[in-house]
C-alpha atoms as a PDB file:
ATOM      1  CA  MET A   1       0.000   0.000   0.000  1.00  0.00           C
ATOM      2  CA  GLU A   2       1.441   3.342  -1.069  1.00  0.00           C
ATOM      3  CA  LEU A   3       1.340   5.818   1.806  1.00  0.00           C
ATOM      4  CA  ASN A   4       2.442   8.996   0.025  1.00  0.00           C
ATOM      5  CA  LYS A   5      -0.408   9.280  -2.448  1.00  0.00           C
ATOM      6  CA  LYS A   6      -1.287  12.814  -3.481  1.00  0.00           C
ATOM      7  CA  THR A   7      -4.332  13.428  -1.287  1.00  0.00           C
ATOM      8  CA  LEU A   8      -7.085  16.042  -1.146  1.00  0.00           C
ATOM      9  CA  ILE A   9      -9.037  16.532   2.066  1.00  0.00           C
ATOM     10  CA  GLY A  10     -12.165  18.500   1.212  1.00  0.00           C
ATOM     11  CA  THR A  11     -15.010  19.879   3.296  1.00  0.00           C
ATOM     12  CA  VAL A  12     -18.575  20.167   1.988  1.00  0.00           C
ATOM     13  CA  GLY A  13     -21.549  21.802   3.679  1.00  0.00           C
ATOM     14  CA  TYR A  14     -23.511  24.976   4.282  1.00  0.00           C
ATOM     15  CA  HIS A  15     -22.452  27.577   6.835  1.00  0.00           C
ATOM     16  CA  ILE A  16     -24.687  28.698   9.733  1.00  0.00           C
ATOM     17  CA  LEU A  17     -26.729  25.480  10.003  1.00  0.00           C
ATOM     18  CA  GLY A  18     -25.551  24.213  13.375  1.00  0.00           C
ATOM     19  CA  ASN A  19     -24.222  20.647  13.236  1.00  0.00           C
ATOM     20  CA  HIS A  20     -24.748  20.536   9.463  1.00  0.00           C
ATOM     21  CA  SER A  21     -22.053  23.236   9.226  1.00  0.00           C
ATOM     22  CA  MET A  22     -19.395  21.178  10.977  1.00  0.00           C
ATOM     23  CA  PRO A  23     -17.441  20.351   7.766  1.00  0.00           C
ATOM     24  CA  PRO A  24     -16.952  23.931   6.518  1.00  0.00           C
ATOM     25  CA  MET A  25     -16.359  25.105  10.096  1.00  0.00           C
ATOM     26  CA  MET A  26     -13.626  22.437  10.424  1.00  0.00           C
ATOM     27  CA  TYR A  27     -11.901  23.613   7.242  1.00  0.00           C
ATOM     28  CA  LEU A  28      -9.710  26.232   8.946  1.00  0.00           C
ATOM     29  CA  HIS A  29      -8.668  23.825  11.689  1.00  0.00           C
ATOM     30  CA  LEU A  30      -7.825  21.074   9.187  1.00  0.00           C
ATOM     31  CA  ASN A  31      -5.973  23.533   6.959  1.00  0.00           C
ATOM     32  CA  GLU A  32      -3.849  24.793   9.875  1.00  0.00           C
ATOM     33  CA  MET A  33      -2.806  21.275  10.896  1.00  0.00           C
ATOM     34  CA  SER A  34       0.640  20.045   9.949  1.00  0.00           C
ATOM     35  CA  TRP A  35       0.315  17.809   6.878  1.00  0.00           C
ATOM     36  CA  PRO A  36       2.970  16.245   4.644  1.00  0.00           C
ATOM     37  CA  ASP A  37       3.533  17.911   1.270  1.00  0.00           C
ATOM     38  CA  HIS A  38       1.406  15.335  -0.564  1.00  0.00           C
ATOM     39  CA  VAL A  39      -1.756  16.331   1.398  1.00  0.00           C
ATOM     40  CA  LYS A  40      -3.827  19.406   0.510  1.00  0.00           C
ATOM     41  CA  VAL A  41      -6.889  20.702   2.400  1.00  0.00           C
ATOM     42  CA  ASP A  42      -9.563  22.672   0.541  1.00  0.00           C
ATOM     43  CA  GLU A  43     -13.161  23.742   0.948  1.00  0.00           C
ATOM     44  CA  LEU A  44     -15.274  22.212  -1.841  1.00  0.00           C
ATOM     45  CA  ASN A  45     -18.383  24.388  -1.465  1.00  0.00           C
ATOM     46  CA  TRP A  46     -17.832  26.361  -4.637  1.00  0.00           C
ATOM     47  CA  GLY A  47     -19.826  24.054  -6.902  1.00  0.00           C
ATOM     48  CA  PRO A  48     -19.229  20.668  -8.513  1.00  0.00           C
ATOM     49  CA  VAL A  49     -18.332  22.088 -11.935  1.00  0.00           C
ATOM     50  CA  ALA A  50     -15.649  24.322 -10.388  1.00  0.00           C
ATOM     51  CA  VAL A  51     -14.366  21.324  -8.409  1.00  0.00           C
ATOM     52  CA  VAL A  52     -14.215  19.306 -11.648  1.00  0.00           C
ATOM     53  CA  GLN A  53     -12.211  22.084 -13.306  1.00  0.00           C
ATOM     54  CA  MET A  54      -9.832  22.285 -10.333  1.00  0.00           C
ATOM     55  CA  MET A  55      -9.353  18.513 -10.332  1.00  0.00           C
ATOM     56  CA  GLU A  56      -8.772  18.405 -14.099  1.00  0.00           C
ATOM     57  CA  ALA A  57      -6.134  21.154 -13.807  1.00  0.00           C
ATOM     58  CA  GLU A  58      -4.300  19.384 -10.966  1.00  0.00           C
ATOM     59  CA  SER A  59      -1.080  17.815 -12.211  1.00  0.00           C
ATOM     60  CA  PRO A  60      -0.312  15.210 -11.173  1.00  0.00           C
ATOM     61  CA  PRO A  61      -3.902  14.383 -10.195  1.00  0.00           C
ATOM     62  CA  PHE A  62      -5.009  13.579  -6.665  1.00  0.00           C
ATOM     63  CA  GLU A  63      -4.851   9.834  -6.107  1.00  0.00           C
ATOM     64  CA  LYS A  64      -6.959   9.932  -2.964  1.00  0.00           C
ATOM     65  CA  VAL A  65      -9.829  12.232  -1.984  1.00  0.00           C
ATOM     66  CA  ILE A  66     -11.311  12.414   1.510  1.00  0.00           C
ATOM     67  CA  ILE A  67     -14.502  14.449   1.843  1.00  0.00           C
ATOM     68  CA  LEU A  68     -15.733  15.556   5.260  1.00  0.00           C
ATOM     69  CA  CYS A  69     -19.516  15.907   5.259  1.00  0.00           C
ATOM     70  CA  ALA A  70     -22.481  15.883   7.642  1.00  0.00           C
ATOM     71  CA  ILE A  71     -25.469  14.155   6.053  1.00  0.00           C
ATOM     72  CA  GLU A  72     -28.592  13.368   8.029  1.00  0.00           C
ATOM     73  CA  ARG A  73     -29.246   9.616   7.798  1.00  0.00           C
ATOM     74  CA  LYS A  74     -31.873   7.521   9.552  1.00  0.00           C
ATOM     75  CA  GLY A  75     -30.845   5.370  12.493  1.00  0.00           C
ATOM     76  CA  ARG A  76     -27.731   7.267  13.532  1.00  0.00           C
ATOM     77  CA  LYS A  77     -26.964   9.264  16.660  1.00  0.00           C
ATOM     78  CA  ILE A  78     -25.694  12.839  16.471  1.00  0.00           C
ATOM     79  CA  GLY A  79     -21.913  12.766  16.163  1.00  0.00           C
ATOM     80  CA  GLN A  80     -21.794   9.189  14.842  1.00  0.00           C
ATOM     81  CA  ILE A  81     -19.037   8.860  12.257  1.00  0.00           C
ATOM     82  CA  ASP A  82     -19.396   6.613   9.228  1.00  0.00           C
ATOM     83  CA  VAL A  83     -16.764   6.179   6.544  1.00  0.00           C
ATOM     84  CA  PHE A  84     -17.980   5.465   3.029  1.00  0.00           C
ATOM     85  CA  ARG A  85     -15.891   4.507   0.036  1.00  0.00           C
ATOM     86  CA  TRP A  86     -17.179   5.719  -3.309  1.00  0.00           C
ATOM     87  CA  LEU A  87     -17.423   2.874  -5.822  1.00  0.00           C
ATOM     88  CA  GLY A  88     -18.355   5.042  -8.784  1.00  0.00           C
ATOM     89  CA  LYS A  89     -21.156   4.235 -11.223  1.00  0.00           C
ATOM     90  CA  LEU A  90     -23.695   6.754 -12.433  1.00  0.00           C
ATOM     91  CA  PRO A  91     -27.415   7.096 -11.781  1.00  0.00           C
ATOM     92  CA  ASP A  92     -29.797   7.358 -14.743  1.00  0.00           C
ATOM     93  CA  GLU A  93     -29.586  10.379 -17.074  1.00  0.00           C
ATOM     94  CA  GLU A  94     -32.560  12.097 -15.435  1.00  0.00           C
ATOM     95  CA  GLN A  95     -30.840  12.016 -12.039  1.00  0.00           C
ATOM     96  CA  ILE A  96     -27.555  13.238 -13.542  1.00  0.00           C
ATOM     97  CA  GLN A  97     -29.436  16.200 -15.056  1.00  0.00           C
ATOM     98  CA  ALA A  98     -31.097  16.871 -11.686  1.00  0.00           C
ATOM     99  CA  CYS A  99     -27.641  16.980 -10.070  1.00  0.00           C
ATOM    100  CA  VAL A 100     -26.392  19.404 -12.726  1.00  0.00           C
ATOM    101  CA  GLY A 101     -29.513  21.563 -12.268  1.00  0.00           C
ATOM    102  CA  ASP A 102     -29.014  21.654  -8.506  1.00  0.00           C
ATOM    103  CA  ALA A 103     -25.350  22.533  -8.956  1.00  0.00           C
ATOM    104  CA  ALA A 104     -26.207  25.335 -11.400  1.00  0.00           C
ATOM    105  CA  THR A 105     -28.563  26.895  -8.855  1.00  0.00           C
ATOM    106  CA  GLY A 106     -25.989  26.801  -6.057  1.00  0.00           C
ATOM    107  CA  VAL A 107     -27.155  23.769  -4.089  1.00  0.00           C
ATOM    108  CA  ILE A 108     -24.273  22.445  -1.967  1.00  0.00           C
ATOM    109  CA  SER A 109     -24.515  18.666  -2.002  1.00  0.00           C
ATOM    110  CA  VAL A 110     -22.022  15.853  -1.578  1.00  0.00           C
ATOM    111  CA  GLU A 111     -24.242  13.666  -3.747  1.00  0.00           C
ATOM    112  CA  ASN A 112     -24.152  16.195  -6.612  1.00  0.00           C
ATOM    113  CA  LEU A 113     -20.383  16.516  -6.253  1.00  0.00           C
ATOM    114  CA  LEU A 114     -19.887  12.737  -6.383  1.00  0.00           C
ATOM    115  CA  VAL A 115     -22.167  12.229  -9.406  1.00  0.00           C
ATOM    116  CA  ILE A 116     -20.876  15.180 -11.432  1.00  0.00           C
ATOM    117  CA  GLY A 117     -17.295  14.219 -10.578  1.00  0.00           C
ATOM    118  CA  GLU A 118     -18.013  10.655 -11.662  1.00  0.00           C
ATOM    119  CA  TYR A 119     -19.570  11.860 -14.915  1.00  0.00           C
ATOM    120  CA  PHE A 120     -16.407  13.820 -15.719  1.00  0.00           C
ATOM    121  CA  LYS A 121     -14.170  10.965 -14.511  1.00  0.00           C
ATOM    122  CA  ILE A 122     -12.225  13.043 -11.975  1.00  0.00           C
ATOM    123  CA  TRP A 123     -12.316  10.465  -9.184  1.00  0.00           C
ATOM    124  CA  LYS A 124      -9.381   8.114  -9.001  1.00  0.00           C
ATOM    125  CA  ASP A 125      -9.343   4.827  -7.146  1.00  0.00           C
ATOM    126  CA  GLU A 126      -9.738   6.117  -3.589  1.00  0.00           C
ATOM    127  CA  VAL A 127     -12.590   8.459  -2.673  1.00  0.00           C
ATOM    128  CA  TYR A 128     -13.844   8.417   0.910  1.00  0.00           C
ATOM    129  CA  LEU A 129     -16.567  10.276   2.764  1.00  0.00           C
ATOM    130  CA  VAL A 130     -16.091  10.876   6.459  1.00  0.00           C
ATOM    131  CA  ASP A 131     -19.759  11.464   7.244  1.00  0.00           C
ATOM    132  CA  VAL A 132     -20.788  12.721  10.685  1.00  0.00           C
ATOM    133  CA  GLU A 133     -24.455  12.555  11.702  1.00  0.00           C
ATOM    134  CA  PRO A 134     -25.674  16.134  12.275  1.00  0.00           C
ATOM    135  CA  GLY A 135     -29.225  15.397  13.428  1.00  0.00           C
ATOM    136  CA  PRO A 136     -32.055  17.809  12.573  1.00  0.00           C
ATOM    137  CA  GLU A 137     -31.175  20.991  10.721  1.00  0.00           C
ATOM    138  CA  VAL A 138     -31.040  24.039  13.029  1.00  0.00           C
ATOM    139  CA  ALA A 139     -29.972  27.579  12.165  1.00  0.00           C
ATOM    140  CA  GLY A 140     -26.934  28.944  13.963  1.00  0.00           C
ATOM    141  CA  GLU A 141     -23.192  28.611  14.347  1.00  0.00           C
ATOM    142  CA  LYS A 142     -23.075  26.406  17.444  1.00  0.00           C
ATOM    143  CA  TRP A 143     -22.740  22.627  17.582  1.00  0.00           C
ATOM    144  CA  THR A 144     -24.477  20.315  19.990  1.00  0.00           C
ATOM    145  CA  GLU A 145     -22.377  18.653  22.685  1.00  0.00           C
ATOM    146  CA  SER A 146     -22.649  15.332  20.824  1.00  0.00           C
ATOM    147  CA  MET A 147     -21.202  16.880  17.672  1.00  0.00           C
ATOM    148  CA  GLU A 148     -18.523  18.736  19.611  1.00  0.00           C
ATOM    149  CA  SER A 149     -17.423  15.553  21.384  1.00  0.00           C
ATOM    150  CA  SER A 150     -17.047  13.709  18.047  1.00  0.00           C
ATOM    151  CA  ILE A 151     -14.466  16.165  16.648  1.00  0.00           C
ATOM    152  CA  PRO A 152     -11.322  14.399  17.984  1.00  0.00           C
ATOM    153  CA  ASP A 153     -12.528  11.146  16.377  1.00  0.00           C
ATOM    154  CA  VAL A 154     -13.349  12.980  13.134  1.00  0.00           C
ATOM    155  CA  ILE A 155      -9.810  14.371  12.986  1.00  0.00           C
ATOM    156  CA  SER A 156      -8.300  11.008  13.890  1.00  0.00           C
ATOM    157  CA  THR A 157     -10.300   9.253  11.158  1.00  0.00           C
ATOM    158  CA  ILE A 158      -9.288  11.799   8.518  1.00  0.00           C
ATOM    159  CA  LYS A 159      -5.626  11.553   9.548  1.00  0.00           C
ATOM    160  CA  ARG A 160      -5.686   7.749   9.389  1.00  0.00           C
ATOM    161  CA  LEU A 161      -7.229   7.778   5.925  1.00  0.00           C
ATOM    162  CA  ALA A 162      -4.858  10.467   4.646  1.00  0.00           C
ATOM    163  CA  LEU A 163      -1.610   9.287   6.191  1.00  0.00           C
ATOM    164  CA  THR A 164      -1.786   5.544   6.717  1.00  0.00           C
ATOM    165  CA  GLY A 165      -4.365   4.367   4.230  1.00  0.00           C
ATOM    166  CA  MET A 166      -7.053   1.925   5.212  1.00  0.00           C
ATOM    167  CA  ASP A 167      -6.525  -0.320   8.167  1.00  0.00           C
ATOM    168  CA  ASP A 168      -8.602  -2.823  10.063  1.00  0.00           C
ATOM    169  CA  GLY A 169      -9.752  -0.268  12.634  1.00  0.00           C
ATOM    170  CA  ILE A 170     -12.147   1.534  10.269  1.00  0.00           C
ATOM    171  CA  ASP A 171     -15.515   0.044   9.358  1.00  0.00           C
ATOM    172  CA  ILE A 172     -16.088   0.929   5.706  1.00  0.00           C
ATOM    173  CA  LYS A 173     -19.460   1.183   3.993  1.00  0.00           C
ATOM    174  CA  TYR A 174     -19.842   1.714   0.267  1.00  0.00           C
ATOM    175  CA  LEU A 175     -21.729   4.171  -1.933  1.00  0.00           C
ATOM    176  CA  GLN A 176     -22.216   4.173  -5.672  1.00  0.00           C
ATOM    177  CA  GLY A 177     -24.032   6.457  -8.076  1.00  0.00           C
ATOM    178  CA  ASP A 178     -26.650   4.005  -9.285  1.00  0.00           C
ATOM    179  CA  THR A 179     -27.966   3.490  -5.722  1.00  0.00           C
ATOM    180  CA  LEU A 180     -26.999   6.831  -4.141  1.00  0.00           C
ATOM    181  CA  PHE A 181     -30.472   8.359  -4.369  1.00  0.00           C
ATOM    182  CA  THR A 182     -32.323   5.260  -3.224  1.00  0.00           C
ATOM    183  CA  ASN A 183     -30.677   5.402   0.236  1.00  0.00           C
ATOM    184  CA  LYS A 184     -29.197   1.961  -0.334  1.00  0.00           C
ATOM    185  CA  ILE A 185     -25.751   1.371   1.076  1.00  0.00           C
ATOM    186  CA  VAL A 186     -23.719  -1.257  -0.758  1.00  0.00           C
ATOM    187  CA  THR A 187     -22.355  -3.858   1.624  1.00  0.00           C
ATOM    188  CA  ASP A 188     -19.954  -5.758  -0.645  1.00  0.00           C
END
């Protein structure tokens, strides 16, 4: 396993939505951390098409992408961390167009970013989501105690993925474009 892969750590999410804003609020902290030269931290809220253009211009390309996000999912507790590996594949054309339409109107969405990136073939072999359960959407800049207490584990998970690759200590789930909008998580 190659440990010095060119790696992008990106944050995706709206600002001023409480726990849902954890990823963009963590951007400055992650960016100020000491990382090896092969690791770059960036905020990916500026639209999937702009992200595609940035990725296409990157030479050499990123070999690994780690996206920090906070997506509300059923059955999880606030602050619960799940790691997903993106397996690629595209949804049907209608869903791709819906993603492009959302992106054109300024919707910030990890799903749109994954699908549009997949369509333009910017994702290499390793794309991971570090997804932290935010709970219900609430306006404001403060996090709940549950979210706040998860931050050390969030940072630890990102560091392990970026610096040591996958190891047995991380339970990986899988996402792919053809099941992304059906809320199905691939288990194999």
